[in-house]
Amino acid sequence: MNKSSNLYKDIATGLFFATGIFSFLSGQFVLSTLFFGAASLFSNIQVAKPVRF
């Protein structure tokens, strides 16, 4: 696996999760649900790798 793609994936997942926490604490429950769902989906997506012959 490519370490840079894993790093970007981890950073994006962390940002979605942290934004979900902050929006939940501020009372915006719809946005926090959206961000938690996005973090969950993004953490489970497999990054496509180029085909090599």
C-alpha atoms as a PDB file:
ATOM      1  CA  MET A   1       0.000   0.000   0.000  1.00  0.00           C
ATOM      2  CA  ASN A   2       1.078   3.505  -0.676  1.00  0.00           C
ATOM      3  CA  LYS A   3       1.877   5.327   2.559  1.00  0.00           C
ATOM      4  CA  SER A   4       0.948   8.774   1.233  1.00  0.00           C
ATOM      5  CA  SER A   5      -2.546   7.653   0.237  1.00  0.00           C
ATOM      6  CA  ASN A   6      -2.998   6.068   3.667  1.00  0.00           C
ATOM      7  CA  LEU A   7      -1.834   9.276   5.296  1.00  0.00           C
ATOM      8  CA  TYR A   8      -4.281  11.401   3.307  1.00  0.00           C
ATOM      9  CA  LYS A   9      -7.074   8.949   4.067  1.00  0.00           C
ATOM     10  CA  ASP A  10      -6.287   9.032   7.796  1.00  0.00           C
ATOM     11  CA  ILE A  11      -6.114  12.828   7.837  1.00  0.00           C
ATOM     12  CA  ALA A  12      -9.443  13.180   6.027  1.00  0.00           C
ATOM     13  CA  THR A  13     -11.117  10.633   8.325  1.00  0.00           C
ATOM     14  CA  GLY A  14      -9.767  12.423  11.385  1.00  0.00           C
ATOM     15  CA  LEU A  15     -10.943  15.803  10.135  1.00  0.00           C
ATOM     16  CA  PHE A  16     -14.447  14.487   9.442  1.00  0.00           C
ATOM     17  CA  PHE A  17     -14.586  12.890  12.892  1.00  0.00           C
ATOM     18  CA  ALA A  18     -13.251  15.964  14.725  1.00  0.00           C
ATOM     19  CA  THR A  19     -15.656  18.233  12.844  1.00  0.00           C
ATOM     20  CA  GLY A  20     -18.485  15.872  13.796  1.00  0.00           C
ATOM     21  CA  ILE A  21     -17.512  16.088  17.469  1.00  0.00           C
ATOM     22  CA  PHE A  22     -17.381  19.898  17.419  1.00  0.00           C
ATOM     23  CA  SER A  23     -20.685  20.215  15.586  1.00  0.00           C
ATOM     24  CA  PHE A  24     -22.297  17.770  18.038  1.00  0.00           C
ATOM     25  CA  LEU A  25     -21.062  19.833  20.987  1.00  0.00           C
ATOM     26  CA  SER A  26     -22.417  23.026  19.443  1.00  0.00           C
ATOM     27  CA  GLY A  27     -25.884  21.497  19.052  1.00  0.00           C
ATOM     28  CA  GLN A  28     -25.934  20.996  15.293  1.00  0.00           C
ATOM     29  CA  PHE A  29     -27.022  17.385  15.378  1.00  0.00           C
ATOM     30  CA  VAL A  30     -27.861  17.047  11.682  1.00  0.00           C
ATOM     31  CA  LEU A  31     -24.412  18.245  10.617  1.00  0.00           C
ATOM     32  CA  SER A  32     -22.693  16.043  13.171  1.00  0.00           C
ATOM     33  CA  THR A  33     -24.575  13.009  11.837  1.00  0.00           C
ATOM     34  CA  LEU A  34     -23.480  13.944   8.330  1.00  0.00           C
ATOM     35  CA  PHE A  35     -19.823  14.256   9.352  1.00  0.00           C
ATOM     36  CA  PHE A  36     -19.835  11.007  11.362  1.00  0.00           C
ATOM     37  CA  GLY A  37     -21.360   9.194   8.385  1.00  0.00           C
ATOM     38  CA  ALA A  38     -18.787  10.704   6.028  1.00  0.00           C
ATOM     39  CA  ALA A  39     -15.961   9.641   8.349  1.00  0.00           C
ATOM     40  CA  SER A  40     -17.353   6.120   8.527  1.00  0.00           C
ATOM     41  CA  LEU A  41     -17.733   5.814   4.764  1.00  0.00           C
ATOM     42  CA  PHE A  42     -14.369   7.366   4.011  1.00  0.00           C
ATOM     43  CA  SER A  43     -12.547   5.076   6.437  1.00  0.00           C
ATOM     44  CA  ASN A  44     -14.025   1.983   4.762  1.00  0.00           C
ATOM     45  CA  ILE A  45     -13.391   2.959   1.132  1.00  0.00           C
ATOM     46  CA  GLN A  46     -10.586   1.016  -0.533  1.00  0.00           C
ATOM     47  CA  VAL A  47      -8.344   3.255  -2.605  1.00  0.00           C
ATOM     48  CA  ALA A  48      -7.983   2.047  -6.201  1.00  0.00           C
ATOM     49  CA  LYS A  49      -4.500   1.086  -7.271  1.00  0.00           C
ATOM     50  CA  PRO A  50      -3.229   1.411 -10.840  1.00  0.00           C
ATOM     51  CA  VAL A  51      -2.913  -1.817 -12.801  1.00  0.00           C
ATOM     52  CA  ARG A  52       0.625  -2.813 -13.737  1.00  0.00           C
ATOM     53  CA  PHE A  53       1.446  -5.284 -16.458  1.00  0.00           C
END
